[in-house]
Amino acid sequence: MQKYLDILKNSALFSGIDTKDLINMFKCLLMNIKTYEKNSYILKASEPLVEVGIILKGRVNIIKEDYWGNRTILTTLSTGDLFGESFVCTNINNNCFSIVTAEKAEIMFLNYQKITSPCQFACNFHSKIIQNMLLLIAKKNIQLTTKIDHLSKKTTREKILSYLSSEALKNNNNSFTIPFNRQELADFLSVERSAMSAELSRMQKDKLITYHKNNFTLL
């Protein structure tokens, strides 16, 4: 566990918690770590989720798949990010989303009940973790609202520009790197990949953007 201390200290869930408390935390939160290869399901839709996960290494996508296998990426998460808190918090047994690795990943799972309930060690960090979790849930709600704004645009170009604009503002720079490859970006924006790629080429010819792989610049 010691080798993960820096990652955990930088995780929003453990913001404001001392290193010695992080070490003590290992004793009471029933942590376990699993490794997944790229494109592996951490959780499939309809499977119950009883733990929250923290990404120690790699990147994962939260996706929704329909009956025919078409998928939409709801969000992508990377090292230090938390997932699963909304489902375990609300006791939803029939989860309708899947969690899939975008690259090889190491995940630390935490028992939700142990996080939110006082334990025999009377750890003083439980209340801080609960506050951090509520803040995380609120931020993710805002992110979903932002995505709805992207998807509400009528054309593929408008969806792309809406997303790229939000990334530029988030990075405070007109040049930035997005976390998606082409297929993932198409799935995130709910557009057809070939149509999106063609539109990106037209946008570059129109001198709206320049790009190379997942590096973009707004002109």
C-alpha atoms as a PDB file:
ATOM      1  CA  MET A   1       0.000   0.000   0.000  1.00  0.00           C
ATOM      2  CA  GLN A   2       2.896   2.347   0.693  1.00  0.00           C
ATOM      3  CA  LYS A   3       3.702   2.752  -3.007  1.00  0.00           C
ATOM      4  CA  TYR A   4       0.208   4.152  -3.623  1.00  0.00           C
ATOM      5  CA  LEU A   5       0.397   6.868  -0.941  1.00  0.00           C
ATOM      6  CA  ASP A   6       1.225   9.699  -3.371  1.00  0.00           C
ATOM      7  CA  ILE A   7      -1.695   8.755  -5.629  1.00  0.00           C
ATOM      8  CA  LEU A   8      -4.099   8.535  -2.703  1.00  0.00           C
ATOM      9  CA  LYS A   9      -2.909  11.842  -1.233  1.00  0.00           C
ATOM     10  CA  ASN A  10      -3.658  13.524  -4.572  1.00  0.00           C
ATOM     11  CA  SER A  11      -7.064  11.850  -4.902  1.00  0.00           C
ATOM     12  CA  ALA A  12     -10.015  14.171  -4.307  1.00  0.00           C
ATOM     13  CA  LEU A  13     -11.585  11.575  -1.991  1.00  0.00           C
ATOM     14  CA  PHE A  14      -8.690  11.899   0.472  1.00  0.00           C
ATOM     15  CA  SER A  15      -8.081  15.627   0.103  1.00  0.00           C
ATOM     16  CA  GLY A  16      -7.096  17.227   3.421  1.00  0.00           C
ATOM     17  CA  ILE A  17      -6.232  13.929   5.136  1.00  0.00           C
ATOM     18  CA  ASP A  18      -2.778  13.538   6.729  1.00  0.00           C
ATOM     19  CA  THR A  19      -0.371  10.872   5.541  1.00  0.00           C
ATOM     20  CA  LYS A  20      -0.425   9.095   8.910  1.00  0.00           C
ATOM     21  CA  ASP A  21      -4.218   8.935   8.716  1.00  0.00           C
ATOM     22  CA  LEU A  22      -3.980   7.473   5.218  1.00  0.00           C
ATOM     23  CA  ILE A  23      -1.737   4.738   6.563  1.00  0.00           C
ATOM     24  CA  ASN A  24      -4.140   4.024   9.446  1.00  0.00           C
ATOM     25  CA  MET A  25      -6.995   4.028   6.973  1.00  0.00           C
ATOM     26  CA  PHE A  26      -5.656   0.868   5.350  1.00  0.00           C
ATOM     27  CA  LYS A  27      -6.587  -1.036   8.516  1.00  0.00           C
ATOM     28  CA  CYS A  28     -10.291  -0.290   8.510  1.00  0.00           C
ATOM     29  CA  LEU A  29     -11.566   0.362   4.965  1.00  0.00           C
ATOM     30  CA  LEU A  30     -11.203  -3.240   3.735  1.00  0.00           C
ATOM     31  CA  MET A  31      -9.140  -2.210   0.714  1.00  0.00           C
ATOM     32  CA  ASN A  32      -8.289  -4.638  -2.061  1.00  0.00           C
ATOM     33  CA  ILE A  33      -6.444  -4.036  -5.327  1.00  0.00           C
ATOM     34  CA  LYS A  34      -7.142  -5.673  -8.689  1.00  0.00           C
ATOM     35  CA  THR A  35      -5.391  -5.427 -12.055  1.00  0.00           C
ATOM     36  CA  TYR A  36      -7.312  -5.351 -15.364  1.00  0.00           C
ATOM     37  CA  GLU A  37      -6.086  -5.606 -18.941  1.00  0.00           C
ATOM     38  CA  LYS A  38      -7.149  -3.099 -21.619  1.00  0.00           C
ATOM     39  CA  ASN A  39     -10.814  -3.344 -22.722  1.00  0.00           C
ATOM     40  CA  SER A  40     -11.745  -5.428 -19.663  1.00  0.00           C
ATOM     41  CA  TYR A  41     -15.055  -5.018 -17.868  1.00  0.00           C
ATOM     42  CA  ILE A  42     -14.634  -3.905 -14.268  1.00  0.00           C
ATOM     43  CA  LEU A  43     -18.403  -3.944 -13.946  1.00  0.00           C
ATOM     44  CA  LYS A  44     -21.141  -4.966 -16.375  1.00  0.00           C
ATOM     45  CA  ALA A  45     -24.601  -3.430 -16.526  1.00  0.00           C
ATOM     46  CA  SER A  46     -27.081  -5.163 -14.190  1.00  0.00           C
ATOM     47  CA  GLU A  47     -24.287  -6.394 -11.904  1.00  0.00           C
ATOM     48  CA  PRO A  48     -24.585  -5.105  -8.320  1.00  0.00           C
ATOM     49  CA  LEU A  49     -21.973  -2.610  -7.168  1.00  0.00           C
ATOM     50  CA  VAL A  50     -21.111  -2.765  -3.471  1.00  0.00           C
ATOM     51  CA  GLU A  51     -17.723  -1.022  -3.448  1.00  0.00           C
ATOM     52  CA  VAL A  52     -16.312   2.233  -4.732  1.00  0.00           C
ATOM     53  CA  GLY A  53     -13.151   2.179  -6.816  1.00  0.00           C
ATOM     54  CA  ILE A  54     -10.120   4.443  -7.048  1.00  0.00           C
ATOM     55  CA  ILE A  55      -7.953   4.260 -10.169  1.00  0.00           C
ATOM     56  CA  LEU A  56      -4.339   3.716  -9.135  1.00  0.00           C
ATOM     57  CA  LYS A  57      -3.064   3.346 -12.687  1.00  0.00           C
ATOM     58  CA  GLY A  58      -4.567   3.616 -16.160  1.00  0.00           C
ATOM     59  CA  ARG A  59      -7.856   4.982 -17.487  1.00  0.00           C
ATOM     60  CA  VAL A  60     -11.443   3.687 -17.479  1.00  0.00           C
ATOM     61  CA  ASN A  61     -14.640   4.636 -19.315  1.00  0.00           C
ATOM     62  CA  ILE A  62     -18.136   4.673 -17.869  1.00  0.00           C
ATOM     63  CA  ILE A  63     -20.343   3.507 -20.741  1.00  0.00           C
ATOM     64  CA  LYS A  64     -23.954   2.735 -21.616  1.00  0.00           C
ATOM     65  CA  GLU A  65     -24.624  -0.021 -24.155  1.00  0.00           C
ATOM     66  CA  ASP A  66     -27.856  -0.755 -25.958  1.00  0.00           C
ATOM     67  CA  TYR A  67     -29.284  -4.154 -26.964  1.00  0.00           C
ATOM     68  CA  TRP A  68     -27.293  -4.184 -30.243  1.00  0.00           C
ATOM     69  CA  GLY A  69     -23.956  -3.348 -28.634  1.00  0.00           C
ATOM     70  CA  ASN A  70     -23.832   0.331 -29.578  1.00  0.00           C
ATOM     71  CA  ARG A  71     -22.185   2.272 -26.799  1.00  0.00           C
ATOM     72  CA  THR A  72     -22.064   5.800 -25.464  1.00  0.00           C
ATOM     73  CA  ILE A  73     -19.227   6.983 -23.246  1.00  0.00           C
ATOM     74  CA  LEU A  74     -20.645   8.958 -20.349  1.00  0.00           C
ATOM     75  CA  THR A  75     -17.294   9.962 -18.908  1.00  0.00           C
ATOM     76  CA  THR A  76     -13.660   8.911 -18.775  1.00  0.00           C
ATOM     77  CA  LEU A  77     -11.665   8.654 -15.547  1.00  0.00           C
ATOM     78  CA  SER A  78      -7.926   8.457 -14.877  1.00  0.00           C
ATOM     79  CA  THR A  79      -5.415   7.969 -12.058  1.00  0.00           C
ATOM     80  CA  GLY A  80      -6.740   9.152  -8.699  1.00  0.00           C
ATOM     81  CA  ASP A  81     -10.372   9.350  -9.828  1.00  0.00           C
ATOM     82  CA  LEU A  82     -13.216   7.662  -7.956  1.00  0.00           C
ATOM     83  CA  PHE A  83     -16.117   5.711  -9.470  1.00  0.00           C
ATOM     84  CA  GLY A  84     -19.215   3.905  -8.251  1.00  0.00           C
ATOM     85  CA  GLU A  85     -20.068   6.261  -5.394  1.00  0.00           C
ATOM     86  CA  SER A  86     -23.472   7.305  -6.766  1.00  0.00           C
ATOM     87  CA  PHE A  87     -24.687   3.711  -7.108  1.00  0.00           C
ATOM     88  CA  VAL A  88     -23.506   2.397  -3.757  1.00  0.00           C
ATOM     89  CA  CYS A  89     -24.737   5.579  -2.088  1.00  0.00           C
ATOM     90  CA  THR A  90     -28.282   5.122  -3.423  1.00  0.00           C
ATOM     91  CA  ASN A  91     -28.413   1.322  -3.004  1.00  0.00           C
ATOM     92  CA  ILE A  92     -29.301   0.772  -6.674  1.00  0.00           C
ATOM     93  CA  ASN A  93     -29.019  -2.955  -7.401  1.00  0.00           C
ATOM     94  CA  ASN A  94     -29.804  -2.862 -11.130  1.00  0.00           C
ATOM     95  CA  ASN A  95     -26.931  -0.752 -12.390  1.00  0.00           C
ATOM     96  CA  CYS A  96     -27.538   0.284 -16.017  1.00  0.00           C
ATOM     97  CA  PHE A  97     -23.960   1.328 -16.814  1.00  0.00           C
ATOM     98  CA  SER A  98     -20.758  -0.582 -17.451  1.00  0.00           C
ATOM     99  CA  ILE A  99     -17.214   0.294 -16.424  1.00  0.00           C
ATOM    100  CA  VAL A 100     -14.543  -0.692 -18.952  1.00  0.00           C
ATOM    101  CA  THR A 101     -10.778  -0.145 -18.973  1.00  0.00           C
ATOM    102  CA  ALA A 102      -9.450   2.068 -21.771  1.00  0.00           C
ATOM    103  CA  GLU A 103      -5.943   0.806 -20.986  1.00  0.00           C
ATOM    104  CA  LYS A 104      -4.349  -1.581 -18.506  1.00  0.00           C
ATOM    105  CA  ALA A 105      -5.417  -0.455 -15.055  1.00  0.00           C
ATOM    106  CA  GLU A 106      -4.984  -1.050 -11.345  1.00  0.00           C
ATOM    107  CA  ILE A 107      -8.038  -0.389  -9.214  1.00  0.00           C
ATOM    108  CA  MET A 108      -8.315  -0.080  -5.442  1.00  0.00           C
ATOM    109  CA  PHE A 109     -11.744  -1.057  -4.134  1.00  0.00           C
ATOM    110  CA  LEU A 110     -13.070   0.349  -0.864  1.00  0.00           C
ATOM    111  CA  ASN A 111     -16.003  -0.839   1.214  1.00  0.00           C
ATOM    112  CA  TYR A 112     -18.556   1.986   1.125  1.00  0.00           C
ATOM    113  CA  GLN A 113     -20.098   1.121   4.495  1.00  0.00           C
ATOM    114  CA  LYS A 114     -16.663   1.271   6.104  1.00  0.00           C
ATOM    115  CA  ILE A 115     -16.092   4.719   4.612  1.00  0.00           C
ATOM    116  CA  THR A 116     -19.325   6.238   5.875  1.00  0.00           C
ATOM    117  CA  SER A 117     -19.667   4.472   9.235  1.00  0.00           C
ATOM    118  CA  PRO A 118     -17.563   4.957  12.390  1.00  0.00           C
ATOM    119  CA  CYS A 119     -15.271   2.014  13.098  1.00  0.00           C
ATOM    120  CA  GLN A 120     -13.715   0.393  16.132  1.00  0.00           C
ATOM    121  CA  PHE A 121     -10.556   2.463  15.674  1.00  0.00           C
ATOM    122  CA  ALA A 122     -12.541   5.731  15.980  1.00  0.00           C
ATOM    123  CA  CYS A 123     -10.673   7.167  12.981  1.00  0.00           C
ATOM    124  CA  ASN A 124     -11.053  10.939  12.783  1.00  0.00           C
ATOM    125  CA  PHE A 125     -10.923  11.064   8.984  1.00  0.00           C
ATOM    126  CA  HIS A 126     -14.341   9.543   8.282  1.00  0.00           C
ATOM    127  CA  SER A 127     -16.208  12.854   8.397  1.00  0.00           C
ATOM    128  CA  LYS A 128     -13.671  14.448   6.042  1.00  0.00           C
ATOM    129  CA  ILE A 129     -14.013  11.571   3.559  1.00  0.00           C
ATOM    130  CA  ILE A 130     -17.815  11.949   3.603  1.00  0.00           C
ATOM    131  CA  GLN A 131     -17.474  15.677   2.883  1.00  0.00           C
ATOM    132  CA  ASN A 132     -15.077  14.943   0.029  1.00  0.00           C
ATOM    133  CA  MET A 133     -17.432  12.332  -1.417  1.00  0.00           C
ATOM    134  CA  LEU A 134     -20.382  14.735  -1.397  1.00  0.00           C
ATOM    135  CA  LEU A 135     -18.219  17.307  -3.188  1.00  0.00           C
ATOM    136  CA  LEU A 136     -17.191  14.720  -5.785  1.00  0.00           C
ATOM    137  CA  ILE A 137     -20.814  13.755  -6.469  1.00  0.00           C
ATOM    138  CA  ALA A 138     -21.732  17.429  -6.902  1.00  0.00           C
ATOM    139  CA  LYS A 139     -18.847  18.006  -9.348  1.00  0.00           C
ATOM    140  CA  LYS A 140     -19.801  14.958 -11.402  1.00  0.00           C
ATOM    141  CA  ASN A 141     -23.370  16.243 -11.659  1.00  0.00           C
ATOM    142  CA  ILE A 142     -21.983  19.478 -13.100  1.00  0.00           C
ATOM    143  CA  GLN A 143     -19.865  17.490 -15.584  1.00  0.00           C
ATOM    144  CA  LEU A 144     -22.931  15.564 -16.740  1.00  0.00           C
ATOM    145  CA  THR A 145     -24.797  18.847 -17.208  1.00  0.00           C
ATOM    146  CA  THR A 146     -21.913  20.069 -19.373  1.00  0.00           C
ATOM    147  CA  LYS A 147     -22.087  16.912 -21.471  1.00  0.00           C
ATOM    148  CA  ILE A 148     -25.830  17.367 -21.962  1.00  0.00           C
ATOM    149  CA  ASP A 149     -25.011  20.811 -23.350  1.00  0.00           C
ATOM    150  CA  HIS A 150     -22.619  19.230 -25.903  1.00  0.00           C
ATOM    151  CA  LEU A 151     -25.184  16.639 -26.967  1.00  0.00           C
ATOM    152  CA  SER A 152     -27.953  19.238 -27.295  1.00  0.00           C
ATOM    153  CA  LYS A 153     -26.166  20.810 -30.267  1.00  0.00           C
ATOM    154  CA  LYS A 154     -27.817  19.985 -33.595  1.00  0.00           C
ATOM    155  CA  THR A 155     -24.871  19.236 -35.852  1.00  0.00           C
ATOM    156  CA  THR A 156     -21.692  17.174 -35.494  1.00  0.00           C
ATOM    157  CA  ARG A 157     -19.582  20.313 -35.940  1.00  0.00           C
ATOM    158  CA  GLU A 158     -21.448  22.113 -33.178  1.00  0.00           C
ATOM    159  CA  LYS A 159     -21.015  19.141 -30.831  1.00  0.00           C
ATOM    160  CA  ILE A 160     -17.285  18.966 -31.548  1.00  0.00           C
ATOM    161  CA  LEU A 161     -16.805  22.710 -31.078  1.00  0.00           C
ATOM    162  CA  SER A 162     -18.818  22.693 -27.861  1.00  0.00           C
ATOM    163  CA  TYR A 163     -16.643  19.927 -26.417  1.00  0.00           C
ATOM    164  CA  LEU A 164     -13.335  21.410 -27.611  1.00  0.00           C
ATOM    165  CA  SER A 165     -14.333  24.824 -26.291  1.00  0.00           C
ATOM    166  CA  SER A 166     -15.025  23.383 -22.832  1.00  0.00           C
ATOM    167  CA  GLU A 167     -11.654  21.590 -22.858  1.00  0.00           C
ATOM    168  CA  ALA A 168      -9.839  24.813 -23.820  1.00  0.00           C
ATOM    169  CA  LEU A 169     -11.565  26.691 -20.992  1.00  0.00           C
ATOM    170  CA  LYS A 170     -10.814  23.890 -18.530  1.00  0.00           C
ATOM    171  CA  ASN A 171      -7.124  23.941 -19.492  1.00  0.00           C
ATOM    172  CA  ASN A 172      -7.025  27.747 -19.763  1.00  0.00           C
ATOM    173  CA  ASN A 173      -5.204  27.269 -23.062  1.00  0.00           C
ATOM    174  CA  ASN A 174      -6.242  27.078 -26.710  1.00  0.00           C
ATOM    175  CA  SER A 175      -3.889  24.074 -27.132  1.00  0.00           C
ATOM    176  CA  PHE A 176      -4.691  20.961 -25.127  1.00  0.00           C
ATOM    177  CA  THR A 177      -4.801  17.161 -25.137  1.00  0.00           C
ATOM    178  CA  ILE A 178      -8.107  15.311 -24.876  1.00  0.00           C
ATOM    179  CA  PRO A 179      -8.382  11.906 -23.140  1.00  0.00           C
ATOM    180  CA  PHE A 180     -10.154  10.207 -26.058  1.00  0.00           C
ATOM    181  CA  ASN A 181      -9.069   8.460 -29.232  1.00  0.00           C
ATOM    182  CA  ARG A 182     -11.304   8.951 -32.300  1.00  0.00           C
ATOM    183  CA  GLN A 183     -13.714   6.114 -31.551  1.00  0.00           C
ATOM    184  CA  GLU A 184     -14.017   7.160 -27.901  1.00  0.00           C
ATOM    185  CA  LEU A 185     -14.672  10.780 -28.883  1.00  0.00           C
ATOM    186  CA  ALA A 186     -17.388   9.667 -31.301  1.00  0.00           C
ATOM    187  CA  ASP A 187     -18.945   7.508 -28.574  1.00  0.00           C
ATOM    188  CA  PHE A 188     -18.740  10.384 -26.088  1.00  0.00           C
ATOM    189  CA  LEU A 189     -20.470  12.830 -28.457  1.00  0.00           C
ATOM    190  CA  SER A 190     -22.935  10.219 -29.761  1.00  0.00           C
ATOM    191  CA  VAL A 191     -21.939  10.687 -33.393  1.00  0.00           C
ATOM    192  CA  GLU A 192     -20.783   8.310 -36.123  1.00  0.00           C
ATOM    193  CA  ARG A 193     -16.994   8.006 -36.213  1.00  0.00           C
ATOM    194  CA  SER A 194     -16.428   8.413 -39.975  1.00  0.00           C
ATOM    195  CA  ALA A 195     -18.741  11.429 -40.096  1.00  0.00           C
ATOM    196  CA  MET A 196     -16.923  12.976 -37.143  1.00  0.00           C
ATOM    197  CA  SER A 197     -13.503  12.371 -38.724  1.00  0.00           C
ATOM    198  CA  ALA A 198     -14.666  13.959 -41.963  1.00  0.00           C
ATOM    199  CA  GLU A 199     -16.011  16.946 -40.040  1.00  0.00           C
ATOM    200  CA  LEU A 200     -12.716  17.357 -38.167  1.00  0.00           C
ATOM    201  CA  SER A 201     -10.897  17.488 -41.512  1.00  0.00           C
ATOM    202  CA  ARG A 202     -13.319  20.138 -42.808  1.00  0.00           C
ATOM    203  CA  MET A 203     -12.913  22.170 -39.601  1.00  0.00           C
ATOM    204  CA  GLN A 204      -9.144  22.115 -40.049  1.00  0.00           C
ATOM    205  CA  LYS A 205      -9.489  23.242 -43.706  1.00  0.00           C
ATOM    206  CA  ASP A 206     -11.805  26.021 -42.509  1.00  0.00           C
ATOM    207  CA  LYS A 207      -9.036  27.073 -40.081  1.00  0.00           C
ATOM    208  CA  LEU A 208     -11.162  26.574 -36.997  1.00  0.00           C
ATOM    209  CA  ILE A 209      -8.812  24.031 -35.455  1.00  0.00           C
ATOM    210  CA  THR A 210      -5.567  22.156 -35.954  1.00  0.00           C
ATOM    211  CA  TYR A 211      -4.961  18.712 -34.512  1.00  0.00           C
ATOM    212  CA  HIS A 212      -2.663  15.711 -34.424  1.00  0.00           C
ATOM    213  CA  LYS A 213      -4.063  12.558 -32.853  1.00  0.00           C
ATOM    214  CA  ASN A 214      -5.606  13.734 -29.574  1.00  0.00           C
ATOM    215  CA  ASN A 215      -3.741  17.074 -29.441  1.00  0.00           C
ATOM    216  CA  PHE A 216      -5.932  20.014 -30.487  1.00  0.00           C
ATOM    217  CA  THR A 217      -5.536  23.764 -30.966  1.00  0.00           C
ATOM    218  CA  LEU A 218      -8.432  26.177 -31.381  1.00  0.00           C
ATOM    219  CA  LEU A 219      -7.656  28.954 -33.880  1.00  0.00           C
END
